[in-house]
Each structure stands twice: as C-alpha cells, then as structure tokens.
Amino acid sequence: MENPRQETINAIVKLRISKIGLAALAKVSSGRISDYMRGRSLSADKVSRIEEAVLQVVKVWTCLPVKTDITDPESFARAIRIADAAIATEQLDTATAEATEAIQQLATL
C-alpha cells in the first residue's frame, strides 16, 4: 500500500493536474508543488493544503462529466458544491435501494 504522499503524486500525474493551477488552489507557490512531488520536506500545513487541494480536484474531476478549470476559484468552488450534492444524492439513492430491499426481505418472512 502506498503512502498518502505517493498516492497524491500519482493522482497529480494521472489526472495531469496543472502545477500552477494546483498551487493556486492550495495557496502555495508552484515551486512547493514541485518540492512536494520530489519528496522534499515541506511544512505540515503546506503538505495538508496540497493534499486537500488534490482531493478536491479528484472529487470534482471524477464526479462531474467535464474538467472544471482549477485556476478559476469561483467556478471551482461551485463545482465542489455540485460534486458534493451529486455524491450525497448517490449515497441517498444507495441507502434508499438498500432500505427497499430490506423491507422486501422482511415482507417475505
């Protein structure tokens, strides 16, 4: 199992997340993104902000059908809210389906 830093680096590479856009989102310089990817030492705060920003990008880009521009903070914030709503709806649908199945199973007893 990979460590969280390596998982984050893999996501950056796989999704081709722009270092400049990621830096803006994480509120660090693009040089810190490069340092992070090279395994260099960074403050815990910077590491946390980078990893959280990547998680947000992964959530939005894998949940929504289009790649939202991460360099536009307002649009990306809106995209996060939409992705969160979509995830909540999916979870509600799953819970409803499970409850319906449980009720049907109880009815056959």
C-alpha atoms as a PDB file:
ATOM      1  CA  MET A   1       0.000   0.000   0.000  1.00  0.00           C
ATOM      2  CA  GLU A   2       1.355   3.395  -0.981  1.00  0.00           C
ATOM      3  CA  ASN A   3       1.802   6.243   1.429  1.00  0.00           C
ATOM      4  CA  PRO A   4      -0.562   9.242   1.172  1.00  0.00           C
ATOM      5  CA  ARG A   5       2.082  11.432  -0.434  1.00  0.00           C
ATOM      6  CA  GLN A   6       2.769   8.903  -3.196  1.00  0.00           C
ATOM      7  CA  GLU A   7      -0.978   8.433  -3.768  1.00  0.00           C
ATOM      8  CA  THR A   8      -1.345  12.205  -4.119  1.00  0.00           C
ATOM      9  CA  ILE A   9       1.596  12.400  -6.532  1.00  0.00           C
ATOM     10  CA  ASN A  10       0.100   9.565  -8.582  1.00  0.00           C
ATOM     11  CA  ALA A  11      -3.224  11.433  -8.779  1.00  0.00           C
ATOM     12  CA  ILE A  12      -1.479  14.623  -9.915  1.00  0.00           C
ATOM     13  CA  VAL A  13       0.324  12.716 -12.653  1.00  0.00           C
ATOM     14  CA  LYS A  14      -2.579  10.503 -13.718  1.00  0.00           C
ATOM     15  CA  LEU A  15      -5.074  13.362 -13.940  1.00  0.00           C
ATOM     16  CA  ARG A  16      -2.460  15.730 -15.360  1.00  0.00           C
ATOM     17  CA  ILE A  17      -3.272  18.375 -12.788  1.00  0.00           C
ATOM     18  CA  SER A  18      -1.564  21.640 -13.615  1.00  0.00           C
ATOM     19  CA  LYS A  19       1.073  22.544 -11.029  1.00  0.00           C
ATOM     20  CA  ILE A  20       0.241  26.217 -11.425  1.00  0.00           C
ATOM     21  CA  GLY A  21      -3.482  25.623 -11.002  1.00  0.00           C
ATOM     22  CA  LEU A  22      -2.910  23.262  -8.084  1.00  0.00           C
ATOM     23  CA  ALA A  23      -0.604  25.791  -6.437  1.00  0.00           C
ATOM     24  CA  ALA A  24      -3.285  28.486  -6.720  1.00  0.00           C
ATOM     25  CA  LEU A  25      -5.904  26.147  -5.299  1.00  0.00           C
ATOM     26  CA  ALA A  26      -3.651  25.084  -2.406  1.00  0.00           C
ATOM     27  CA  LYS A  27      -2.436  28.653  -1.850  1.00  0.00           C
ATOM     28  CA  VAL A  28       1.235  27.717  -2.192  1.00  0.00           C
ATOM     29  CA  SER A  29       3.827  28.579  -4.824  1.00  0.00           C
ATOM     30  CA  SER A  30       4.202  26.254  -7.794  1.00  0.00           C
ATOM     31  CA  GLY A  31       7.739  25.588  -6.541  1.00  0.00           C
ATOM     32  CA  ARG A  32       6.234  23.985  -3.434  1.00  0.00           C
ATOM     33  CA  ILE A  33       4.177  21.670  -5.649  1.00  0.00           C
ATOM     34  CA  SER A  34       7.400  20.609  -7.368  1.00  0.00           C
ATOM     35  CA  ASP A  35       9.090  20.139  -3.978  1.00  0.00           C
ATOM     36  CA  TYR A  36       6.140  18.035  -2.810  1.00  0.00           C
ATOM     37  CA  MET A  37       6.328  15.856  -5.902  1.00  0.00           C
ATOM     38  CA  ARG A  38      10.073  15.364  -5.442  1.00  0.00           C
ATOM     39  CA  GLY A  39       9.600  14.243  -1.840  1.00  0.00           C
ATOM     40  CA  ARG A  40      11.279  17.275  -0.355  1.00  0.00           C
ATOM     41  CA  SER A  41      10.482  18.440   3.140  1.00  0.00           C
ATOM     42  CA  LEU A  42       7.618  20.923   3.477  1.00  0.00           C
ATOM     43  CA  SER A  43       5.712  22.238   6.469  1.00  0.00           C
ATOM     44  CA  ALA A  44       2.803  20.093   7.614  1.00  0.00           C
ATOM     45  CA  ASP A  45       0.454  22.961   6.723  1.00  0.00           C
ATOM     46  CA  LYS A  46       1.667  23.106   3.121  1.00  0.00           C
ATOM     47  CA  VAL A  47       1.517  19.330   2.735  1.00  0.00           C
ATOM     48  CA  SER A  48      -2.020  19.334   4.120  1.00  0.00           C
ATOM     49  CA  ARG A  49      -3.152  22.135   1.786  1.00  0.00           C
ATOM     50  CA  ILE A  50      -1.649  20.408  -1.265  1.00  0.00           C
ATOM     51  CA  GLU A  51      -3.193  17.046  -0.403  1.00  0.00           C
ATOM     52  CA  GLU A  52      -6.597  18.607   0.308  1.00  0.00           C
ATOM     53  CA  ALA A  53      -6.496  20.536  -2.974  1.00  0.00           C
ATOM     54  CA  VAL A  54      -5.694  17.333  -4.884  1.00  0.00           C
ATOM     55  CA  LEU A  55      -8.558  15.529  -3.126  1.00  0.00           C
ATOM     56  CA  GLN A  56     -10.917  18.310  -4.193  1.00  0.00           C
ATOM     57  CA  VAL A  57      -9.710  18.134  -7.806  1.00  0.00           C
ATOM     58  CA  VAL A  58     -10.047  14.349  -7.859  1.00  0.00           C
ATOM     59  CA  LYS A  59     -13.560  14.576  -6.419  1.00  0.00           C
ATOM     60  CA  VAL A  60     -14.725  17.180  -8.940  1.00  0.00           C
ATOM     61  CA  TRP A  61     -13.000  15.716 -11.985  1.00  0.00           C
ATOM     62  CA  THR A  62     -14.155  12.166 -11.295  1.00  0.00           C
ATOM     63  CA  CYS A  63     -17.695  13.110 -10.288  1.00  0.00           C
ATOM     64  CA  LEU A  64     -18.577  15.663 -12.961  1.00  0.00           C
ATOM     65  CA  PRO A  65     -18.583  14.975 -16.708  1.00  0.00           C
ATOM     66  CA  VAL A  66     -16.255  17.889 -17.521  1.00  0.00           C
ATOM     67  CA  LYS A  67     -12.867  19.011 -16.230  1.00  0.00           C
ATOM     68  CA  THR A  68     -13.535  22.207 -14.312  1.00  0.00           C
ATOM     69  CA  ASP A  69     -10.822  24.875 -14.536  1.00  0.00           C
ATOM     70  CA  ILE A  70      -8.995  24.868 -11.218  1.00  0.00           C
ATOM     71  CA  THR A  71      -7.482  28.306 -11.859  1.00  0.00           C
ATOM     72  CA  ASP A  72     -10.939  29.946 -11.536  1.00  0.00           C
ATOM     73  CA  PRO A  73     -11.631  29.824  -7.781  1.00  0.00           C
ATOM     74  CA  GLU A  74     -15.309  30.789  -8.023  1.00  0.00           C
ATOM     75  CA  SER A  75     -16.136  28.239 -10.711  1.00  0.00           C
ATOM     76  CA  PHE A  76     -14.168  25.540  -8.944  1.00  0.00           C
ATOM     77  CA  ALA A  77     -15.899  26.281  -5.613  1.00  0.00           C
ATOM     78  CA  ARG A  78     -19.236  25.920  -7.413  1.00  0.00           C
ATOM     79  CA  ALA A  79     -18.049  22.651  -8.957  1.00  0.00           C
ATOM     80  CA  ILE A  80     -17.135  21.334  -5.490  1.00  0.00           C
ATOM     81  CA  ARG A  81     -20.648  22.112  -4.251  1.00  0.00           C
ATOM     82  CA  ILE A  82     -22.177  20.382  -7.290  1.00  0.00           C
ATOM     83  CA  ALA A  83     -19.932  17.333  -6.824  1.00  0.00           C
ATOM     84  CA  ASP A  84     -20.804  17.168  -3.113  1.00  0.00           C
ATOM     85  CA  ALA A  85     -24.515  17.308  -3.983  1.00  0.00           C
ATOM     86  CA  ALA A  86     -24.105  14.584  -6.618  1.00  0.00           C
ATOM     87  CA  ILE A  87     -22.258  12.362  -4.148  1.00  0.00           C
ATOM     88  CA  ALA A  88     -24.923  12.951  -1.485  1.00  0.00           C
ATOM     89  CA  THR A  89     -27.670  12.113  -3.988  1.00  0.00           C
ATOM     90  CA  GLU A  90     -25.879   8.920  -4.996  1.00  0.00           C
ATOM     91  CA  GLN A  91     -25.474   7.932  -1.349  1.00  0.00           C
ATOM     92  CA  LEU A  92     -29.160   8.652  -0.696  1.00  0.00           C
ATOM     93  CA  ASP A  93     -30.162   6.571  -3.724  1.00  0.00           C
ATOM     94  CA  THR A  94     -27.996   3.691  -2.486  1.00  0.00           C
ATOM     95  CA  ALA A  95     -29.429   3.912   1.028  1.00  0.00           C
ATOM     96  CA  THR A  96     -32.971   4.029  -0.356  1.00  0.00           C
ATOM     97  CA  ALA A  97     -32.335   0.967  -2.525  1.00  0.00           C
ATOM     98  CA  GLU A  98     -30.847  -0.920   0.440  1.00  0.00           C
ATOM     99  CA  ALA A  99     -33.789   0.028   2.669  1.00  0.00           C
ATOM    100  CA  THR A 100     -36.270  -1.038  -0.008  1.00  0.00           C
ATOM    101  CA  GLU A 101     -34.513  -4.377  -0.371  1.00  0.00           C
ATOM    102  CA  ALA A 102     -34.521  -4.890   3.410  1.00  0.00           C
ATOM    103  CA  ILE A 103     -38.249  -4.108   3.575  1.00  0.00           C
ATOM    104  CA  GLN A 104     -38.946  -6.547   0.755  1.00  0.00           C
ATOM    105  CA  GLN A 105     -36.949  -9.250   2.525  1.00  0.00           C
ATOM    106  CA  LEU A 106     -38.869  -8.623   5.766  1.00  0.00           C
ATOM    107  CA  ALA A 107     -42.157  -8.865   3.876  1.00  0.00           C
ATOM    108  CA  THR A 108     -41.291 -12.384   2.726  1.00  0.00           C
ATOM    109  CA  LEU A 109     -40.726 -13.644   6.289  1.00  0.00           C
END
